[in-house]
Amino acid sequence: MFIIKFGNLYVRSMEEDGDPNLCVDTDSDTKHLNPNLKCHWSKEEDEKILELVGKYGTKQWALVAKEMKGRLANHCRSRWYNHLDPLARRSTWTTEEDLIINKAHSILGNRNFTNVCI
């Protein structure tokens, strides 16, 4: 395997069965299949994901990615949940929520803190 640098993008040449066009944006740790594509999401791509989630739902990310040129399933899923999902609340925590989280953390500690979100 060897790596070629294009600005802040690196293209990895893989073994025979790998994808020689896998591209990594070192600034955002975003990977995509087409080194000519920008790593930033366009408005058109966001609209396409909204359409495809309506068509396939939120469990079929491989199908969504097949219709998104140069994007991988996990990037489509991340884009949906972190930026596009209309059900995601993006406001600040309320005082009540802060109290619940702090109480759960004091009981569960750092090791079991992931259970707070369950």
PDB file of N, CA and C in Angstrom:
ATOM      1  N   MET A   1       0.847  -1.179   0.000  1.00  0.00           N
ATOM      2  CA  MET A   1       0.000   0.000   0.000  1.00  0.00           C
ATOM      3  C   MET A   1       0.892   1.242   0.000  1.00  0.00           C
ATOM      4  N   PHE A   2       0.477   2.274  -0.747  1.00  0.00           N
ATOM      5  CA  PHE A   2       1.180   3.540  -0.724  1.00  0.00           C
ATOM      6  C   PHE A   2       0.165   4.672  -0.675  1.00  0.00           C
ATOM      7  N   ILE A   3       0.600   5.835  -0.257  1.00  0.00           N
ATOM      8  CA  ILE A   3      -0.296   6.973  -0.065  1.00  0.00           C
ATOM      9  C   ILE A   3       0.193   8.127  -0.928  1.00  0.00           C
ATOM     10  N   ILE A   4      -0.755   8.766  -1.632  1.00  0.00           N
ATOM     11  CA  ILE A   4      -0.450   9.939  -2.442  1.00  0.00           C
ATOM     12  C   ILE A   4      -1.190  11.117  -1.833  1.00  0.00           C
ATOM     13  N   LYS A   5      -0.519  12.252  -1.695  1.00  0.00           N
ATOM     14  CA  LYS A   5      -1.138  13.425  -1.086  1.00  0.00           C
ATOM     15  C   LYS A   5      -1.602  14.402  -2.166  1.00  0.00           C
ATOM     16  N   PHE A   6      -2.877  14.884  -2.019  1.00  0.00           N
ATOM     17  CA  PHE A   6      -3.444  15.926  -2.859  1.00  0.00           C
ATOM     18  C   PHE A   6      -3.920  17.035  -1.934  1.00  0.00           C
ATOM     19  N   GLY A   7      -3.132  18.052  -1.702  1.00  0.00           N
ATOM     20  CA  GLY A   7      -3.502  19.097  -0.748  1.00  0.00           C
ATOM     21  C   GLY A   7      -3.608  18.489   0.636  1.00  0.00           C
ATOM     22  N   ASN A   8      -4.809  18.578   1.256  1.00  0.00           N
ATOM     23  CA  ASN A   8      -4.987  17.949   2.566  1.00  0.00           C
ATOM     24  C   ASN A   8      -5.679  16.595   2.426  1.00  0.00           C
ATOM     25  N   LEU A   9      -5.787  16.092   1.196  1.00  0.00           N
ATOM     26  CA  LEU A   9      -6.402  14.784   0.966  1.00  0.00           C
ATOM     27  C   LEU A   9      -5.322  13.752   0.680  1.00  0.00           C
ATOM     28  N   TYR A  10      -5.524  12.560   1.194  1.00  0.00           N
ATOM     29  CA  TYR A  10      -4.614  11.465   0.963  1.00  0.00           C
ATOM     30  C   TYR A  10      -5.364  10.335   0.288  1.00  0.00           C
ATOM     31  N   VAL A  11      -4.822   9.829  -0.808  1.00  0.00           N
ATOM     32  CA  VAL A  11      -5.414   8.686  -1.496  1.00  0.00           C
ATOM     33  C   VAL A  11      -4.536   7.486  -1.213  1.00  0.00           C
ATOM     34  N   ARG A  12      -5.168   6.435  -0.731  1.00  0.00           N
ATOM     35  CA  ARG A  12      -4.446   5.209  -0.419  1.00  0.00           C
ATOM     36  C   ARG A  12      -4.599   4.216  -1.555  1.00  0.00           C
ATOM     37  N   SER A  13      -3.511   3.695  -2.044  1.00  0.00           N
ATOM     38  CA  SER A  13      -3.570   2.611  -3.013  1.00  0.00           C
ATOM     39  C   SER A  13      -3.570   1.319  -2.212  1.00  0.00           C
ATOM     40  N   MET A  14      -4.629   0.528  -2.366  1.00  0.00           N
ATOM     41  CA  MET A  14      -4.810  -0.670  -1.566  1.00  0.00           C
ATOM     42  C   MET A  14      -4.291  -1.902  -2.311  1.00  0.00           C
ATOM     43  N   GLU A  15      -4.426  -3.046  -1.668  1.00  0.00           N
ATOM     44  CA  GLU A  15      -4.096  -4.311  -2.304  1.00  0.00           C
ATOM     45  C   GLU A  15      -5.091  -4.562  -3.423  1.00  0.00           C
ATOM     46  N   GLU A  16      -4.977  -5.687  -4.107  1.00  0.00           N
ATOM     47  CA  GLU A  16      -5.812  -5.984  -5.271  1.00  0.00           C
ATOM     48  C   GLU A  16      -7.306  -5.862  -4.971  1.00  0.00           C
ATOM     49  N   ASP A  17      -7.753  -6.338  -3.809  1.00  0.00           N
ATOM     50  CA  ASP A  17      -9.177  -6.333  -3.507  1.00  0.00           C
ATOM     51  C   ASP A  17      -9.639  -5.053  -2.815  1.00  0.00           C
ATOM     52  N   GLY A  18      -8.726  -4.124  -2.542  1.00  0.00           N
ATOM     53  CA  GLY A  18      -9.097  -2.878  -1.892  1.00  0.00           C
ATOM     54  C   GLY A  18      -9.537  -1.834  -2.903  1.00  0.00           C
ATOM     55  N   ASP A  19      -9.981  -0.704  -2.423  1.00  0.00           N
ATOM     56  CA  ASP A  19     -10.427   0.379  -3.287  1.00  0.00           C
ATOM     57  C   ASP A  19      -9.311   1.410  -3.412  1.00  0.00           C
ATOM     58  N   PRO A  20      -8.712   1.536  -4.591  1.00  0.00           N
ATOM     59  CA  PRO A  20      -7.591   2.475  -4.749  1.00  0.00           C
ATOM     60  C   PRO A  20      -8.013   3.937  -4.690  1.00  0.00           C
ATOM     61  N   ASN A  21      -9.320   4.213  -4.722  1.00  0.00           N
ATOM     62  CA  ASN A  21      -9.788   5.598  -4.715  1.00  0.00           C
ATOM     63  C   ASN A  21     -10.266   6.065  -3.355  1.00  0.00           C
ATOM     64  N   LEU A  22     -10.067   5.270  -2.306  1.00  0.00           N
ATOM     65  CA  LEU A  22     -10.499   5.696  -0.984  1.00  0.00           C
ATOM     66  C   LEU A  22      -9.714   6.938  -0.594  1.00  0.00           C
ATOM     67  N   CYS A  23     -10.437   7.951  -0.214  1.00  0.00           N
ATOM     68  CA  CYS A  23      -9.842   9.257   0.064  1.00  0.00           C
ATOM     69  C   CYS A  23     -10.099   9.646   1.508  1.00  0.00           C
ATOM     70  N   VAL A  24      -9.109  10.243   2.148  1.00  0.00           N
ATOM     71  CA  VAL A  24      -9.251  10.668   3.537  1.00  0.00           C
ATOM     72  C   VAL A  24      -8.957  12.151   3.620  1.00  0.00           C
ATOM     73  N   ASP A  25      -9.898  12.915   4.181  1.00  0.00           N
ATOM     74  CA  ASP A  25      -9.693  14.333   4.441  1.00  0.00           C
ATOM     75  C   ASP A  25      -9.115  14.435   5.837  1.00  0.00           C
ATOM     76  N   THR A  26      -7.861  14.833   5.941  1.00  0.00           N
ATOM     77  CA  THR A  26      -7.197  14.833   7.244  1.00  0.00           C
ATOM     78  C   THR A  26      -7.733  15.912   8.174  1.00  0.00           C
ATOM     79  N   ASP A  27      -8.390  16.943   7.626  1.00  0.00           N
ATOM     80  CA  ASP A  27      -8.928  17.999   8.486  1.00  0.00           C
ATOM     81  C   ASP A  27     -10.168  17.537   9.232  1.00  0.00           C
ATOM     82  N   SER A  28     -11.030  16.778   8.565  1.00  0.00           N
ATOM     83  CA  SER A  28     -12.283  16.384   9.215  1.00  0.00           C
ATOM     84  C   SER A  28     -12.385  14.885   9.429  1.00  0.00           C
ATOM     85  N   ASP A  29     -11.347  14.136   9.079  1.00  0.00           N
ATOM     86  CA  ASP A  29     -11.342  12.678   9.208  1.00  0.00           C
ATOM     87  C   ASP A  29     -12.499  12.064   8.424  1.00  0.00           C
ATOM     88  N   THR A  30     -12.855  12.689   7.313  1.00  0.00           N
ATOM     89  CA  THR A  30     -13.922  12.187   6.458  1.00  0.00           C
ATOM     90  C   THR A  30     -13.319  11.341   5.352  1.00  0.00           C
ATOM     91  N   LYS A  31     -13.938  10.204   5.084  1.00  0.00           N
ATOM     92  CA  LYS A  31     -13.487   9.342   4.003  1.00  0.00           C
ATOM     93  C   LYS A  31     -14.556   9.318   2.935  1.00  0.00           C
ATOM     94  N   HIS A  32     -14.146   9.313   1.694  1.00  0.00           N
ATOM     95  CA  HIS A  32     -15.092   9.105   0.615  1.00  0.00           C
ATOM     96  C   HIS A  32     -14.378   8.399  -0.522  1.00  0.00           C
ATOM     97  N   LEU A  33     -15.120   7.977  -1.509  1.00  0.00           N
ATOM     98  CA  LEU A  33     -14.572   7.131  -2.563  1.00  0.00           C
ATOM     99  C   LEU A  33     -14.001   7.886  -3.742  1.00  0.00           C
ATOM    100  N   ASN A  34     -14.331   9.132  -3.914  1.00  0.00           N
ATOM    101  CA  ASN A  34     -13.912   9.873  -5.080  1.00  0.00           C
ATOM    102  C   ASN A  34     -12.994  11.010  -4.664  1.00  0.00           C
ATOM    103  N   PRO A  35     -11.706  10.950  -5.026  1.00  0.00           N
ATOM    104  CA  PRO A  35     -10.793  12.004  -4.582  1.00  0.00           C
ATOM    105  C   PRO A  35     -11.098  13.361  -5.197  1.00  0.00           C
ATOM    106  N   ASN A  36     -11.941  13.423  -6.230  1.00  0.00           N
ATOM    107  CA  ASN A  36     -12.303  14.703  -6.829  1.00  0.00           C
ATOM    108  C   ASN A  36     -13.467  15.364  -6.110  1.00  0.00           C
ATOM    109  N   LEU A  37     -14.167  14.641  -5.239  1.00  0.00           N
ATOM    110  CA  LEU A  37     -15.285  15.208  -4.494  1.00  0.00           C
ATOM    111  C   LEU A  37     -14.779  16.015  -3.311  1.00  0.00           C
ATOM    112  N   LYS A  38     -15.486  17.076  -2.999  1.00  0.00           N
ATOM    113  CA  LYS A  38     -15.166  17.816  -1.786  1.00  0.00           C
ATOM    114  C   LYS A  38     -15.633  16.995  -0.591  1.00  0.00           C
ATOM    115  N   CYS A  39     -14.925  17.108   0.504  1.00  0.00           N
ATOM    116  CA  CYS A  39     -15.322  16.380   1.702  1.00  0.00           C
ATOM    117  C   CYS A  39     -16.479  17.066   2.416  1.00  0.00           C
ATOM    118  N   HIS A  40     -16.700  18.339   2.138  1.00  0.00           N
ATOM    119  CA  HIS A  40     -17.810  19.042   2.773  1.00  0.00           C
ATOM    120  C   HIS A  40     -19.106  18.621   2.102  1.00  0.00           C
ATOM    121  N   TRP A  41     -20.181  18.613   2.880  1.00  0.00           N
ATOM    122  CA  TRP A  41     -21.484  18.232   2.353  1.00  0.00           C
ATOM    123  C   TRP A  41     -22.137  19.430   1.689  1.00  0.00           C
ATOM    124  N   SER A  42     -22.687  19.203   0.503  1.00  0.00           N
ATOM    125  CA  SER A  42     -23.387  20.273  -0.209  1.00  0.00           C
ATOM    126  C   SER A  42     -24.867  20.255   0.165  1.00  0.00           C
ATOM    127  N   LYS A  43     -25.545  21.356  -0.156  1.00  0.00           N
ATOM    128  CA  LYS A  43     -26.982  21.439   0.088  1.00  0.00           C
ATOM    129  C   LYS A  43     -27.705  20.350  -0.712  1.00  0.00           C
ATOM    130  N   GLU A  44     -27.249  20.095  -1.920  1.00  0.00           N
ATOM    131  CA  GLU A  44     -27.860  19.069  -2.766  1.00  0.00           C
ATOM    132  C   GLU A  44     -27.721  17.689  -2.139  1.00  0.00           C
ATOM    133  N   GLU A  45     -26.544  17.404  -1.555  1.00  0.00           N
ATOM    134  CA  GLU A  45     -26.341  16.110  -0.896  1.00  0.00           C
ATOM    135  C   GLU A  45     -27.252  15.974   0.320  1.00  0.00           C
ATOM    136  N   ASP A  46     -27.385  17.049   1.088  1.00  0.00           N
ATOM    137  CA  ASP A  46     -28.288  17.022   2.241  1.00  0.00           C
ATOM    138  C   ASP A  46     -29.721  16.744   1.799  1.00  0.00           C
ATOM    139  N   GLU A  47     -30.144  17.407   0.735  1.00  0.00           N
ATOM    140  CA  GLU A  47     -31.496  17.187   0.217  1.00  0.00           C
ATOM    141  C   GLU A  47     -31.671  15.754  -0.273  1.00  0.00           C
ATOM    142  N   LYS A  48     -30.631  15.211  -0.890  1.00  0.00           N
ATOM    143  CA  LYS A  48     -30.685  13.832  -1.382  1.00  0.00           C
ATOM    144  C   LYS A  48     -30.801  12.850  -0.215  1.00  0.00           C
ATOM    145  N   ILE A  49     -30.064  13.088   0.868  1.00  0.00           N
ATOM    146  CA  ILE A  49     -30.166  12.208   2.038  1.00  0.00           C
ATOM    147  C   ILE A  49     -31.572  12.281   2.625  1.00  0.00           C
ATOM    148  N   LEU A  50     -32.134  13.469   2.719  1.00  0.00           N
ATOM    149  CA  LEU A  50     -33.506  13.601   3.224  1.00  0.00           C
ATOM    150  C   LEU A  50     -34.463  12.765   2.373  1.00  0.00           C
ATOM    151  N   GLU A  51     -34.305  12.840   1.062  1.00  0.00           N
ATOM    152  CA  GLU A  51     -35.148  12.067   0.151  1.00  0.00           C
ATOM    153  C   GLU A  51     -34.940  10.558   0.347  1.00  0.00           C
ATOM    154  N   LEU A  52     -33.678  10.137   0.447  1.00  0.00           N
ATOM    155  CA  LEU A  52     -33.373   8.712   0.550  1.00  0.00           C
ATOM    156  C   LEU A  52     -33.779   8.126   1.906  1.00  0.00           C
ATOM    157  N   VAL A  53     -33.667   8.911   2.964  1.00  0.00           N
ATOM    158  CA  VAL A  53     -34.131   8.436   4.270  1.00  0.00           C
ATOM    159  C   VAL A  53     -35.646   8.262   4.233  1.00  0.00           C
ATOM    160  N   GLY A  54     -36.327   9.157   3.529  1.00  0.00           N
ATOM    161  CA  GLY A  54     -37.761   8.993   3.349  1.00  0.00           C
ATOM    162  C   GLY A  54     -38.093   7.713   2.585  1.00  0.00           C
ATOM    163  N   LYS A  55     -37.231   7.353   1.656  1.00  0.00           N
ATOM    164  CA  LYS A  55     -37.445   6.165   0.825  1.00  0.00           C
ATOM    165  C   LYS A  55     -37.051   4.874   1.539  1.00  0.00           C
ATOM    166  N   TYR A  56     -35.872   4.859   2.191  1.00  0.00           N
ATOM    167  CA  TYR A  56     -35.315   3.636   2.780  1.00  0.00           C
ATOM    168  C   TYR A  56     -35.415   3.571   4.304  1.00  0.00           C
ATOM    169  N   GLY A  57     -35.663   4.679   4.964  1.00  0.00           N
ATOM    170  CA  GLY A  57     -35.668   4.689   6.417  1.00  0.00           C
ATOM    171  C   GLY A  57     -34.269   4.870   6.982  1.00  0.00           C
ATOM    172  N   THR A  58     -34.145   4.709   8.290  1.00  0.00           N
ATOM    173  CA  THR A  58     -32.862   4.957   8.973  1.00  0.00           C
ATOM    174  C   THR A  58     -32.132   3.681   9.351  1.00  0.00           C
ATOM    175  N   LYS A  59     -32.426   2.592   8.675  1.00  0.00           N
ATOM    176  CA  LYS A  59     -31.720   1.329   8.947  1.00  0.00           C
ATOM    177  C   LYS A  59     -30.985   0.798   7.713  1.00  0.00           C
ATOM    178  N   GLN A  60     -31.218   1.395   6.556  1.00  0.00           N
ATOM    179  CA  GLN A  60     -30.662   0.897   5.297  1.00  0.00           C
ATOM    180  C   GLN A  60     -29.605   1.849   4.731  1.00  0.00           C
ATOM    181  N   TRP A  61     -28.555   2.117   5.518  1.00  0.00           N
ATOM    182  CA  TRP A  61     -27.570   3.113   5.115  1.00  0.00           C
ATOM    183  C   TRP A  61     -26.750   2.682   3.913  1.00  0.00           C
ATOM    184  N   ALA A  62     -26.582   1.397   3.713  1.00  0.00           N
ATOM    185  CA  ALA A  62     -25.852   0.928   2.526  1.00  0.00           C
ATOM    186  C   ALA A  62     -26.620   1.293   1.257  1.00  0.00           C
ATOM    187  N   LEU A  63     -27.943   1.181   1.304  1.00  0.00           N
ATOM    188  CA  LEU A  63     -28.766   1.555   0.145  1.00  0.00           C
ATOM    189  C   LEU A  63     -28.718   3.060  -0.089  1.00  0.00           C
ATOM    190  N   VAL A  64     -28.734   3.822   0.992  1.00  0.00           N
ATOM    191  CA  VAL A  64     -28.639   5.283   0.873  1.00  0.00           C
ATOM    192  C   VAL A  64     -27.299   5.644   0.235  1.00  0.00           C
ATOM    193  N   ALA A  65     -26.216   5.042   0.717  1.00  0.00           N
ATOM    194  CA  ALA A  65     -24.877   5.366   0.223  1.00  0.00           C
ATOM    195  C   ALA A  65     -24.702   4.990  -1.244  1.00  0.00           C
ATOM    196  N   LYS A  66     -25.365   3.926  -1.684  1.00  0.00           N
ATOM    197  CA  LYS A  66     -25.264   3.532  -3.096  1.00  0.00           C
ATOM    198  C   LYS A  66     -25.740   4.636  -4.029  1.00  0.00           C
ATOM    199  N   GLU A  67     -26.676   5.443  -3.554  1.00  0.00           N
ATOM    200  CA  GLU A  67     -27.216   6.516  -4.381  1.00  0.00           C
ATOM    201  C   GLU A  67     -26.546   7.865  -4.107  1.00  0.00           C
ATOM    202  N   MET A  68     -25.571   7.869  -3.192  1.00  0.00           N
ATOM    203  CA  MET A  68     -24.833   9.089  -2.867  1.00  0.00           C
ATOM    204  C   MET A  68     -23.423   8.951  -3.443  1.00  0.00           C
ATOM    205  N   LYS A  69     -23.173   9.624  -4.540  1.00  0.00           N
ATOM    206  CA  LYS A  69     -21.882   9.514  -5.215  1.00  0.00           C
ATOM    207  C   LYS A  69     -20.730   9.893  -4.283  1.00  0.00           C
ATOM    208  N   GLY A  70     -19.823   8.942  -4.085  1.00  0.00           N
ATOM    209  CA  GLY A  70     -18.622   9.217  -3.310  1.00  0.00           C
ATOM    210  C   GLY A  70     -18.795   9.231  -1.804  1.00  0.00           C
ATOM    211  N   ARG A  71     -19.936   8.780  -1.289  1.00  0.00           N
ATOM    212  CA  ARG A  71     -20.150   8.772   0.165  1.00  0.00           C
ATOM    213  C   ARG A  71     -20.334   7.347   0.651  1.00  0.00           C
ATOM    214  N   LEU A  72     -19.841   7.087   1.845  1.00  0.00           N
ATOM    215  CA  LEU A  72     -19.970   5.774   2.473  1.00  0.00           C
ATOM    216  C   LEU A  72     -21.181   5.749   3.398  1.00  0.00           C
ATOM    217  N   ALA A  73     -21.647   4.543   3.693  1.00  0.00           N
ATOM    218  CA  ALA A  73     -22.851   4.378   4.517  1.00  0.00           C
ATOM    219  C   ALA A  73     -22.710   5.055   5.882  1.00  0.00           C
ATOM    220  N   ASN A  74     -21.578   4.868   6.526  1.00  0.00           N
ATOM    221  CA  ASN A  74     -21.434   5.448   7.869  1.00  0.00           C
ATOM    222  C   ASN A  74     -21.399   6.980   7.830  1.00  0.00           C
ATOM    223  N   HIS A  75     -20.950   7.562   6.731  1.00  0.00           N
ATOM    224  CA  HIS A  75     -20.966   9.020   6.630  1.00  0.00           C
ATOM    225  C   HIS A  75     -22.381   9.536   6.412  1.00  0.00           C
ATOM    226  N   CYS A  76     -23.163   8.800   5.622  1.00  0.00           N
ATOM    227  CA  CYS A  76     -24.560   9.192   5.423  1.00  0.00           C
ATOM    228  C   CYS A  76     -25.322   9.106   6.744  1.00  0.00           C
ATOM    229  N   ARG A  77     -25.076   8.022   7.496  1.00  0.00           N
ATOM    230  CA  ARG A  77     -25.735   7.848   8.798  1.00  0.00           C
ATOM    231  C   ARG A  77     -25.324   8.969   9.751  1.00  0.00           C
ATOM    232  N   SER A  78     -24.053   9.256   9.818  1.00  0.00           N
ATOM    233  CA  SER A  78     -23.568  10.321  10.712  1.00  0.00           C
ATOM    234  C   SER A  78     -24.133  11.676  10.321  1.00  0.00           C
ATOM    235  N   ARG A  79     -24.179  11.940   9.025  1.00  0.00           N
ATOM    236  CA  ARG A  79     -24.721  13.212   8.569  1.00  0.00           C
ATOM    237  C   ARG A  79     -26.184  13.338   8.982  1.00  0.00           C
ATOM    238  N   TRP A  80     -26.930  12.240   8.841  1.00  0.00           N
ATOM    239  CA  TRP A  80     -28.349  12.246   9.212  1.00  0.00           C
ATOM    240  C   TRP A  80     -28.518  12.527  10.705  1.00  0.00           C
ATOM    241  N   TYR A  81     -27.890  11.696  11.525  1.00  0.00           N
ATOM    242  CA  TYR A  81     -28.111  11.811  12.971  1.00  0.00           C
ATOM    243  C   TYR A  81     -27.507  13.069  13.580  1.00  0.00           C
ATOM    244  N   ASN A  82     -26.399  13.537  13.034  1.00  0.00           N
ATOM    245  CA  ASN A  82     -25.725  14.695  13.640  1.00  0.00           C
ATOM    246  C   ASN A  82     -26.163  16.041  13.082  1.00  0.00           C
ATOM    247  N   HIS A  83     -26.773  16.046  11.884  1.00  0.00           N
ATOM    248  CA  HIS A  83     -27.078  17.340  11.268  1.00  0.00           C
ATOM    249  C   HIS A  83     -28.468  17.462  10.665  1.00  0.00           C
ATOM    250  N   LEU A  84     -29.042  16.373  10.166  1.00  0.00           N
ATOM    251  CA  LEU A  84     -30.264  16.489   9.368  1.00  0.00           C
ATOM    252  C   LEU A  84     -31.527  15.963  10.035  1.00  0.00           C
ATOM    253  N   ASP A  85     -31.413  15.071  10.991  1.00  0.00           N
ATOM    254  CA  ASP A  85     -32.585  14.453  11.608  1.00  0.00           C
ATOM    255  C   ASP A  85     -33.464  15.524  12.252  1.00  0.00           C
ATOM    256  N   PRO A  86     -34.699  15.690  11.754  1.00  0.00           N
ATOM    257  CA  PRO A  86     -35.555  16.740  12.309  1.00  0.00           C
ATOM    258  C   PRO A  86     -36.023  16.459  13.740  1.00  0.00           C
ATOM    259  N   LEU A  87     -35.889  15.205  14.189  1.00  0.00           N
ATOM    260  CA  LEU A  87     -36.296  14.869  15.558  1.00  0.00           C
ATOM    261  C   LEU A  87     -35.203  15.134  16.584  1.00  0.00           C
ATOM    262  N   ALA A  88     -33.976  15.350  16.102  1.00  0.00           N
ATOM    263  CA  ALA A  88     -32.865  15.619  17.018  1.00  0.00           C
ATOM    264  C   ALA A  88     -33.006  17.026  17.601  1.00  0.00           C
ATOM    265  N   ARG A  89     -32.911  17.096  18.913  1.00  0.00           N
ATOM    266  CA  ARG A  89     -32.990  18.384  19.592  1.00  0.00           C
ATOM    267  C   ARG A  89     -31.594  18.979  19.682  1.00  0.00           C
ATOM    268  N   ARG A  90     -31.429  20.162  19.207  1.00  0.00           N
ATOM    269  CA  ARG A  90     -30.103  20.776  19.161  1.00  0.00           C
ATOM    270  C   ARG A  90     -29.967  21.972  20.099  1.00  0.00           C
ATOM    271  N   SER A  91     -30.921  22.123  20.981  1.00  0.00           N
ATOM    272  CA  SER A  91     -30.861  23.233  21.930  1.00  0.00           C
ATOM    273  C   SER A  91     -29.993  22.834  23.124  1.00  0.00           C
ATOM    274  N   THR A  92     -29.751  23.776  23.997  1.00  0.00           N
ATOM    275  CA  THR A  92     -28.941  23.498  25.177  1.00  0.00           C
ATOM    276  C   THR A  92     -29.729  22.636  26.167  1.00  0.00           C
ATOM    277  N   TRP A  93     -29.000  21.999  27.077  1.00  0.00           N
ATOM    278  CA  TRP A  93     -29.632  21.175  28.099  1.00  0.00           C
ATOM    279  C   TRP A  93     -30.443  22.065  29.046  1.00  0.00           C
ATOM    280  N   THR A  94     -31.551  21.561  29.512  1.00  0.00           N
ATOM    281  CA  THR A  94     -32.324  22.292  30.514  1.00  0.00           C
ATOM    282  C   THR A  94     -31.693  22.050  31.879  1.00  0.00           C
ATOM    283  N   THR A  95     -32.071  22.859  32.849  1.00  0.00           N
ATOM    284  CA  THR A  95     -31.570  22.676  34.216  1.00  0.00           C
ATOM    285  C   THR A  95     -31.976  21.314  34.738  1.00  0.00           C
ATOM    286  N   GLU A  96     -33.198  20.894  34.467  1.00  0.00           N
ATOM    287  CA  GLU A  96     -33.678  19.582  34.912  1.00  0.00           C
ATOM    288  C   GLU A  96     -32.852  18.453  34.293  1.00  0.00           C
ATOM    289  N   GLU A  97     -32.538  18.566  33.011  1.00  0.00           N
ATOM    290  CA  GLU A  97     -31.722  17.547  32.351  1.00  0.00           C
ATOM    291  C   GLU A  97     -30.318  17.498  32.932  1.00  0.00           C
ATOM    292  N   ASP A  98     -29.750  18.669  33.214  1.00  0.00           N
ATOM    293  CA  ASP A  98     -28.434  18.727  33.852  1.00  0.00           C
ATOM    294  C   ASP A  98     -28.445  18.002  35.197  1.00  0.00           C
ATOM    295  N   LEU A  99     -29.477  18.226  35.993  1.00  0.00           N
ATOM    296  CA  LEU A  99     -29.586  17.569  37.304  1.00  0.00           C
ATOM    297  C   LEU A  99     -29.685  16.051  37.154  1.00  0.00           C
ATOM    298  N   ILE A 100     -30.485  15.597  36.186  1.00  0.00           N
ATOM    299  CA  ILE A 100     -30.641  14.153  35.953  1.00  0.00           C
ATOM    300  C   ILE A 100     -29.306  13.531  35.564  1.00  0.00           C
ATOM    301  N   ILE A 101     -28.586  14.179  34.647  1.00  0.00           N
ATOM    302  CA  ILE A 101     -27.297  13.650  34.189  1.00  0.00           C
ATOM    303  C   ILE A 101     -26.291  13.638  35.336  1.00  0.00           C
ATOM    304  N   ASN A 102     -26.220  14.719  36.098  1.00  0.00           N
ATOM    305  CA  ASN A 102     -25.272  14.781  37.220  1.00  0.00           C
ATOM    306  C   ASN A 102     -25.582  13.725  38.271  1.00  0.00           C
ATOM    307  N   LYS A 103     -26.868  13.517  38.563  1.00  0.00           N
ATOM    308  CA  LYS A 103     -27.243  12.499  39.547  1.00  0.00           C
ATOM    309  C   LYS A 103     -26.874  11.101  39.037  1.00  0.00           C
ATOM    310  N   ALA A 104     -27.193  10.829  37.771  1.00  0.00           N
ATOM    311  CA  ALA A 104     -26.858   9.525  37.192  1.00  0.00           C
ATOM    312  C   ALA A 104     -25.350   9.309  37.188  1.00  0.00           C
ATOM    313  N   HIS A 105     -24.589  10.352  36.877  1.00  0.00           N
ATOM    314  CA  HIS A 105     -23.137  10.227  36.877  1.00  0.00           C
ATOM    315  C   HIS A 105     -22.600   9.974  38.280  1.00  0.00           C
ATOM    316  N   SER A 106     -23.183  10.619  39.286  1.00  0.00           N
ATOM    317  CA  SER A 106     -22.708  10.410  40.658  1.00  0.00           C
ATOM    318  C   SER A 106     -22.998   8.983  41.123  1.00  0.00           C
ATOM    319  N   ILE A 107     -24.078   8.379  40.603  1.00  0.00           N
ATOM    320  CA  ILE A 107     -24.413   7.000  40.985  1.00  0.00           C
ATOM    321  C   ILE A 107     -23.602   6.000  40.173  1.00  0.00           C
ATOM    322  N   LEU A 108     -23.514   6.209  38.867  1.00  0.00           N
ATOM    323  CA  LEU A 108     -22.871   5.244  37.979  1.00  0.00           C
ATOM    324  C   LEU A 108     -21.374   5.444  37.839  1.00  0.00           C
ATOM    325  N   GLY A 109     -20.902   6.673  38.015  1.00  0.00           N
ATOM    326  CA  GLY A 109     -19.484   6.954  37.852  1.00  0.00           C
ATOM    327  C   GLY A 109     -19.094   7.010  36.381  1.00  0.00           C
ATOM    328  N   ASN A 110     -17.783   7.181  36.146  1.00  0.00           N
ATOM    329  CA  ASN A 110     -17.279   7.304  34.776  1.00  0.00           C
ATOM    330  C   ASN A 110     -17.375   6.001  33.998  1.00  0.00           C
ATOM    331  N   ARG A 111     -17.112   4.891  34.639  1.00  0.00           N
ATOM    332  CA  ARG A 111     -17.070   3.605  33.932  1.00  0.00           C
ATOM    333  C   ARG A 111     -18.412   3.203  33.351  1.00  0.00           C
ATOM    334  N   ASN A 112     -19.486   3.509  34.014  1.00  0.00           N
ATOM    335  CA  ASN A 112     -20.810   3.113  33.546  1.00  0.00           C
ATOM    336  C   ASN A 112     -21.610   4.303  33.023  1.00  0.00           C
ATOM    337  N   PHE A 113     -20.922   5.386  32.677  1.00  0.00           N
ATOM    338  CA  PHE A 113     -21.621   6.600  32.284  1.00  0.00           C
ATOM    339  C   PHE A 113     -22.415   6.415  30.986  1.00  0.00           C
ATOM    340  N   THR A 114     -22.001   5.482  30.130  1.00  0.00           N
ATOM    341  CA  THR A 114     -22.757   5.245  28.887  1.00  0.00           C
ATOM    342  C   THR A 114     -24.170   4.781  29.203  1.00  0.00           C
ATOM    343  N   ASN A 115     -24.409   4.190  30.375  1.00  0.00           N
ATOM    344  CA  ASN A 115     -25.745   3.746  30.749  1.00  0.00           C
ATOM    345  C   ASN A 115     -26.697   4.901  31.025  1.00  0.00           C
ATOM    346  N   VAL A 116     -26.175   6.100  31.204  1.00  0.00           N
ATOM    347  CA  VAL A 116     -27.017   7.262  31.454  1.00  0.00           C
ATOM    348  C   VAL A 116     -27.895   7.526  30.231  1.00  0.00           C
ATOM    349  N   CYS A 117     -27.362   7.302  29.067  1.00  0.00           N
ATOM    350  CA  CYS A 117     -28.092   7.589  27.819  1.00  0.00           C
ATOM    351  C   CYS A 117     -29.083   6.494  27.455  1.00  0.00           C
ATOM    352  N   ILE A 118     -29.064   5.398  28.117  1.00  0.00           N
ATOM    353  CA  ILE A 118     -29.943   4.271  27.760  1.00  0.00           C
ATOM    354  C   ILE A 118     -31.304   4.446  28.387  1.00  0.00           C
TER     355      ILE A 118
END
